[in-house]
């Protein structure tokens, strides 16, 4: 069985007290938090499959644009899941969005 990554991007960032509009798309040293995370796993070459759990269709489009900016991300297989009301709902959505390889 190959390793897969689930990136939970649907959160609202309540603990950040609205200091940013979208915490995963906030810029940190010239790169979004999302792109940094994806890039780190991509460089480590420990996953081939990535499921991204998103909040809204608009956020999904913005995340798709970020994927195009990550060098080497084209070698990864992407799946998408719509986030839920609570973190555990988003985790379940991510798990359900994993490809069933029967391995």
N, C-alpha and C. Protein backbone atom coordinates (compact mmCIF):
# COMPACT_ATOMS: atom_id res chain seq x y z
N UNK A 1 0.84 -1.18 0.00
CA UNK A 1 0.00 0.00 0.00
C UNK A 1 0.89 1.24 0.00
N UNK A 2 0.58 2.20 -0.83
CA UNK A 2 1.36 3.43 -0.88
C UNK A 2 0.83 4.43 0.15
N UNK A 3 1.69 5.36 0.53
CA UNK A 3 1.31 6.39 1.48
C UNK A 3 0.50 7.47 0.78
N UNK A 4 -0.44 8.02 1.50
CA UNK A 4 -1.25 9.12 0.99
C UNK A 4 -1.25 10.24 2.03
N UNK A 5 -1.47 11.42 1.56
CA UNK A 5 -1.49 12.61 2.40
C UNK A 5 -2.87 13.24 2.33
N UNK A 6 -3.42 13.58 3.49
CA UNK A 6 -4.67 14.33 3.54
C UNK A 6 -4.33 15.70 4.12
N UNK A 7 -4.56 16.74 3.33
CA UNK A 7 -4.34 18.11 3.80
C UNK A 7 -5.69 18.72 4.15
N UNK A 8 -5.89 19.01 5.42
CA UNK A 8 -7.14 19.60 5.89
C UNK A 8 -7.05 21.11 5.74
N UNK A 9 -7.74 21.64 4.76
CA UNK A 9 -7.69 23.07 4.44
C UNK A 9 -9.02 23.77 4.66
N UNK A 10 -9.99 23.07 5.23
CA UNK A 10 -11.35 23.61 5.32
C UNK A 10 -11.58 24.44 6.58
N UNK A 11 -10.64 24.47 7.49
CA UNK A 11 -10.83 25.17 8.75
C UNK A 11 -11.06 26.66 8.59
N UNK A 12 -11.70 27.24 9.56
CA UNK A 12 -12.03 28.67 9.54
C UNK A 12 -10.97 29.52 10.23
N UNK A 13 -10.08 28.93 11.00
CA UNK A 13 -9.03 29.70 11.66
C UNK A 13 -9.54 30.53 12.82
N UNK A 14 -10.51 30.03 13.57
CA UNK A 14 -11.08 30.78 14.69
C UNK A 14 -10.03 31.20 15.71
N UNK A 15 -9.07 30.33 15.99
CA UNK A 15 -8.06 30.66 16.99
C UNK A 15 -7.14 31.78 16.52
N UNK A 16 -7.13 32.06 15.22
CA UNK A 16 -6.31 33.16 14.70
C UNK A 16 -7.04 34.50 14.79
N UNK A 17 -8.24 34.46 15.32
CA UNK A 17 -9.05 35.67 15.55
C UNK A 17 -9.18 36.55 14.32
N UNK A 18 -9.40 35.90 13.19
CA UNK A 18 -9.63 36.60 11.92
C UNK A 18 -8.48 37.51 11.51
N UNK A 19 -7.27 37.18 11.94
CA UNK A 19 -6.12 38.00 11.54
C UNK A 19 -5.75 37.76 10.08
N UNK A 20 -6.20 36.64 9.50
CA UNK A 20 -6.04 36.36 8.07
C UNK A 20 -7.37 35.82 7.55
N UNK A 21 -7.62 36.02 6.27
CA UNK A 21 -8.90 35.56 5.72
C UNK A 21 -8.93 34.05 5.50
N UNK A 22 -7.78 33.44 5.23
CA UNK A 22 -7.69 31.99 5.03
C UNK A 22 -6.31 31.55 5.47
N UNK A 23 -6.24 30.84 6.59
CA UNK A 23 -4.93 30.52 7.18
C UNK A 23 -4.05 29.67 6.27
N UNK A 24 -4.61 28.77 5.48
CA UNK A 24 -3.76 27.94 4.62
C UNK A 24 -3.25 28.71 3.42
N UNK A 25 -3.92 29.81 3.08
CA UNK A 25 -3.46 30.63 1.97
C UNK A 25 -2.72 31.89 2.44
N UNK A 26 -2.48 31.95 3.74
CA UNK A 26 -1.68 33.06 4.28
C UNK A 26 -0.24 32.88 3.82
N UNK A 27 0.42 33.99 3.53
CA UNK A 27 1.80 33.94 3.04
C UNK A 27 2.76 33.93 4.22
N UNK A 28 3.69 32.99 4.17
CA UNK A 28 4.73 32.84 5.18
C UNK A 28 6.07 32.80 4.47
N UNK A 29 6.86 33.82 4.65
CA UNK A 29 8.16 33.93 3.98
C UNK A 29 8.07 33.70 2.47
N UNK A 30 7.13 34.40 1.85
CA UNK A 30 7.03 34.40 0.40
C UNK A 30 6.26 33.25 -0.22
N UNK A 31 5.70 32.37 0.59
CA UNK A 31 4.98 31.21 0.06
C UNK A 31 3.78 30.94 0.96
N UNK A 32 2.67 30.49 0.39
CA UNK A 32 1.51 30.19 1.23
C UNK A 32 1.80 28.99 2.13
N UNK A 33 1.09 28.94 3.24
CA UNK A 33 1.23 27.81 4.16
C UNK A 33 0.90 26.51 3.43
N UNK A 34 -0.14 26.54 2.61
CA UNK A 34 -0.52 25.36 1.82
C UNK A 34 0.61 24.91 0.90
N UNK A 35 1.18 25.84 0.13
CA UNK A 35 2.26 25.50 -0.80
C UNK A 35 3.48 24.98 -0.04
N UNK A 36 3.79 25.56 1.11
CA UNK A 36 4.91 25.08 1.93
C UNK A 36 4.70 23.63 2.36
N UNK A 37 3.49 23.34 2.83
CA UNK A 37 3.18 21.98 3.28
C UNK A 37 3.27 20.98 2.14
N UNK A 38 2.64 21.32 1.03
CA UNK A 38 2.65 20.43 -0.13
C UNK A 38 4.07 20.24 -0.65
N UNK A 39 4.82 21.30 -0.71
CA UNK A 39 6.20 21.25 -1.19
C UNK A 39 7.07 20.35 -0.31
N UNK A 40 6.89 20.45 1.00
CA UNK A 40 7.69 19.63 1.92
C UNK A 40 7.44 18.14 1.70
N UNK A 41 6.18 17.75 1.58
CA UNK A 41 5.86 16.34 1.33
C UNK A 41 6.32 15.90 -0.06
N UNK A 42 6.20 16.77 -1.03
CA UNK A 42 6.64 16.46 -2.38
C UNK A 42 8.15 16.22 -2.43
N UNK A 43 8.89 17.09 -1.78
CA UNK A 43 10.36 16.95 -1.76
C UNK A 43 10.80 15.69 -1.02
N UNK A 44 10.07 15.33 0.02
CA UNK A 44 10.41 14.13 0.79
C UNK A 44 10.13 12.85 0.01
N UNK A 45 9.29 12.94 -1.01
CA UNK A 45 8.93 11.79 -1.86
C UNK A 45 8.39 10.61 -1.04
N UNK A 46 7.57 10.93 -0.05
CA UNK A 46 6.98 9.88 0.78
C UNK A 46 5.52 9.59 0.42
N UNK A 47 4.95 10.44 -0.43
CA UNK A 47 3.57 10.23 -0.86
C UNK A 47 3.46 10.40 -2.37
N UNK A 48 2.48 9.72 -2.93
CA UNK A 48 2.15 9.88 -4.35
C UNK A 48 0.75 10.44 -4.50
N UNK A 49 -0.06 10.22 -3.47
CA UNK A 49 -1.46 10.63 -3.53
C UNK A 49 -1.72 11.70 -2.47
N UNK A 50 -2.43 12.73 -2.88
CA UNK A 50 -2.77 13.81 -1.97
C UNK A 50 -4.27 14.08 -2.08
N UNK A 51 -4.94 14.08 -0.94
CA UNK A 51 -6.35 14.47 -0.89
C UNK A 51 -6.39 15.81 -0.16
N UNK A 52 -7.03 16.76 -0.78
CA UNK A 52 -7.16 18.09 -0.20
C UNK A 52 -8.63 18.29 0.20
N UNK A 53 -8.82 18.56 1.47
CA UNK A 53 -10.17 18.81 1.98
C UNK A 53 -10.33 20.33 2.04
N UNK A 54 -11.29 20.83 1.28
CA UNK A 54 -11.46 22.27 1.10
C UNK A 54 -12.79 22.75 1.69
N UNK A 55 -12.91 24.07 1.84
CA UNK A 55 -14.08 24.68 2.46
C UNK A 55 -15.17 25.07 1.46
N UNK A 56 -14.78 25.65 0.34
CA UNK A 56 -15.75 26.19 -0.62
C UNK A 56 -15.20 26.04 -2.05
N UNK A 57 -16.06 26.14 -3.04
CA UNK A 57 -15.58 26.07 -4.43
C UNK A 57 -14.53 27.15 -4.73
N UNK A 58 -14.71 28.34 -4.17
CA UNK A 58 -13.73 29.42 -4.38
C UNK A 58 -12.38 29.05 -3.80
N UNK A 59 -12.38 28.51 -2.59
CA UNK A 59 -11.11 28.11 -1.98
C UNK A 59 -10.46 26.99 -2.79
N UNK A 60 -11.27 26.06 -3.29
CA UNK A 60 -10.72 24.96 -4.10
C UNK A 60 -9.99 25.51 -5.32
N UNK A 61 -10.57 26.49 -5.99
CA UNK A 61 -9.92 27.10 -7.16
C UNK A 61 -8.59 27.74 -6.77
N UNK A 62 -8.58 28.42 -5.63
CA UNK A 62 -7.35 29.08 -5.19
C UNK A 62 -6.28 28.04 -4.82
N UNK A 63 -6.70 26.93 -4.23
CA UNK A 63 -5.75 25.86 -3.90
C UNK A 63 -5.21 25.21 -5.17
N UNK A 64 -6.07 25.03 -6.17
CA UNK A 64 -5.61 24.47 -7.44
C UNK A 64 -4.54 25.35 -8.08
N UNK A 65 -4.72 26.66 -7.98
CA UNK A 65 -3.70 27.58 -8.51
C UNK A 65 -2.39 27.45 -7.74
N UNK A 66 -2.48 27.21 -6.45
CA UNK A 66 -1.27 27.04 -5.64
C UNK A 66 -0.53 25.76 -6.02
N UNK A 67 -1.27 24.71 -6.34
CA UNK A 67 -0.64 23.44 -6.74
C UNK A 67 0.24 23.65 -7.97
N UNK A 68 -0.23 24.46 -8.91
CA UNK A 68 0.52 24.72 -10.13
C UNK A 68 1.85 25.43 -9.84
N UNK A 69 1.94 26.11 -8.71
CA UNK A 69 3.15 26.85 -8.36
C UNK A 69 4.20 25.99 -7.65
N UNK A 70 3.79 24.81 -7.18
CA UNK A 70 4.72 23.95 -6.44
C UNK A 70 5.53 23.10 -7.42
N UNK A 71 6.82 23.33 -7.44
CA UNK A 71 7.71 22.62 -8.35
C UNK A 71 7.63 21.11 -8.11
N UNK A 72 7.36 20.35 -9.14
CA UNK A 72 7.33 18.89 -9.07
C UNK A 72 6.00 18.31 -8.64
N UNK A 73 5.03 19.14 -8.33
CA UNK A 73 3.75 18.62 -7.84
C UNK A 73 3.01 17.82 -8.90
N UNK A 74 3.38 17.97 -10.17
CA UNK A 74 2.69 17.24 -11.23
C UNK A 74 2.89 15.73 -11.12
N UNK A 75 3.87 15.28 -10.36
CA UNK A 75 4.08 13.84 -10.18
C UNK A 75 3.08 13.24 -9.19
N UNK A 76 2.34 14.10 -8.49
CA UNK A 76 1.40 13.64 -7.48
C UNK A 76 0.00 13.46 -8.08
N UNK A 77 -0.76 12.54 -7.49
CA UNK A 77 -2.16 12.34 -7.85
C UNK A 77 -3.00 13.08 -6.82
N UNK A 78 -3.95 13.90 -7.28
CA UNK A 78 -4.75 14.68 -6.37
C UNK A 78 -6.20 14.23 -6.36
N UNK A 79 -6.77 14.23 -5.17
CA UNK A 79 -8.19 14.01 -4.97
C UNK A 79 -8.71 15.15 -4.11
N UNK A 80 -10.00 15.32 -4.10
CA UNK A 80 -10.62 16.43 -3.38
C UNK A 80 -11.78 15.95 -2.54
N UNK A 81 -11.95 16.56 -1.37
CA UNK A 81 -13.08 16.27 -0.50
C UNK A 81 -13.60 17.57 0.09
N UNK A 82 -14.89 17.66 0.24
CA UNK A 82 -15.51 18.87 0.80
C UNK A 82 -15.51 18.74 2.32
N UNK A 83 -15.01 19.75 3.01
CA UNK A 83 -14.93 19.75 4.46
C UNK A 83 -16.29 19.76 5.13
N UNK A 84 -16.30 19.39 6.39
CA UNK A 84 -17.54 19.34 7.16
C UNK A 84 -17.61 20.42 8.22
N UNK A 85 -18.60 20.30 9.09
CA UNK A 85 -18.81 21.31 10.15
C UNK A 85 -17.67 21.32 11.16
N UNK A 86 -17.16 20.18 11.50
CA UNK A 86 -16.10 20.07 12.50
C UNK A 86 -14.90 19.34 11.89
N UNK A 87 -13.75 19.46 12.55
CA UNK A 87 -12.52 18.82 12.04
C UNK A 87 -12.73 17.34 11.77
N UNK A 88 -13.39 16.63 12.69
CA UNK A 88 -13.56 15.19 12.50
C UNK A 88 -14.39 14.89 11.26
N UNK A 89 -15.33 15.76 10.92
CA UNK A 89 -16.11 15.58 9.70
C UNK A 89 -15.23 15.76 8.46
N UNK A 90 -14.31 16.71 8.53
CA UNK A 90 -13.38 16.93 7.42
C UNK A 90 -12.41 15.76 7.27
N UNK A 91 -11.98 15.20 8.39
CA UNK A 91 -11.09 14.03 8.34
C UNK A 91 -11.80 12.87 7.66
N UNK A 92 -13.04 12.64 8.03
CA UNK A 92 -13.82 11.56 7.42
C UNK A 92 -13.98 11.81 5.92
N UNK A 93 -14.26 13.06 5.54
CA UNK A 93 -14.39 13.39 4.11
C UNK A 93 -13.08 13.10 3.38
N UNK A 94 -11.95 13.41 4.01
CA UNK A 94 -10.65 13.12 3.42
C UNK A 94 -10.42 11.63 3.25
N UNK A 95 -10.73 10.87 4.27
CA UNK A 95 -10.56 9.42 4.20
C UNK A 95 -11.44 8.81 3.11
N UNK A 96 -12.66 9.29 3.01
CA UNK A 96 -13.58 8.77 1.99
C UNK A 96 -13.12 9.15 0.58
N UNK A 97 -12.33 10.21 0.47
CA UNK A 97 -11.86 10.66 -0.84
C UNK A 97 -10.58 9.97 -1.29
N UNK A 98 -9.98 9.16 -0.43
CA UNK A 98 -8.79 8.41 -0.81
C UNK A 98 -9.15 7.41 -1.89
N UNK A 99 -8.29 7.27 -2.89
CA UNK A 99 -8.58 6.25 -3.92
C UNK A 99 -8.48 4.85 -3.33
N UNK A 100 -9.41 4.00 -3.70
CA UNK A 100 -9.39 2.62 -3.24
C UNK A 100 -8.57 1.81 -4.24
N UNK A 101 -7.38 1.49 -3.85
CA UNK A 101 -6.45 0.77 -4.74
C UNK A 101 -6.50 -0.74 -4.54
N UNK A 102 -7.17 -1.18 -3.46
CA UNK A 102 -7.24 -2.61 -3.21
C UNK A 102 -5.89 -3.23 -2.91
N UNK A 103 -4.99 -2.44 -2.36
CA UNK A 103 -3.64 -2.94 -2.06
C UNK A 103 -3.54 -3.39 -0.64
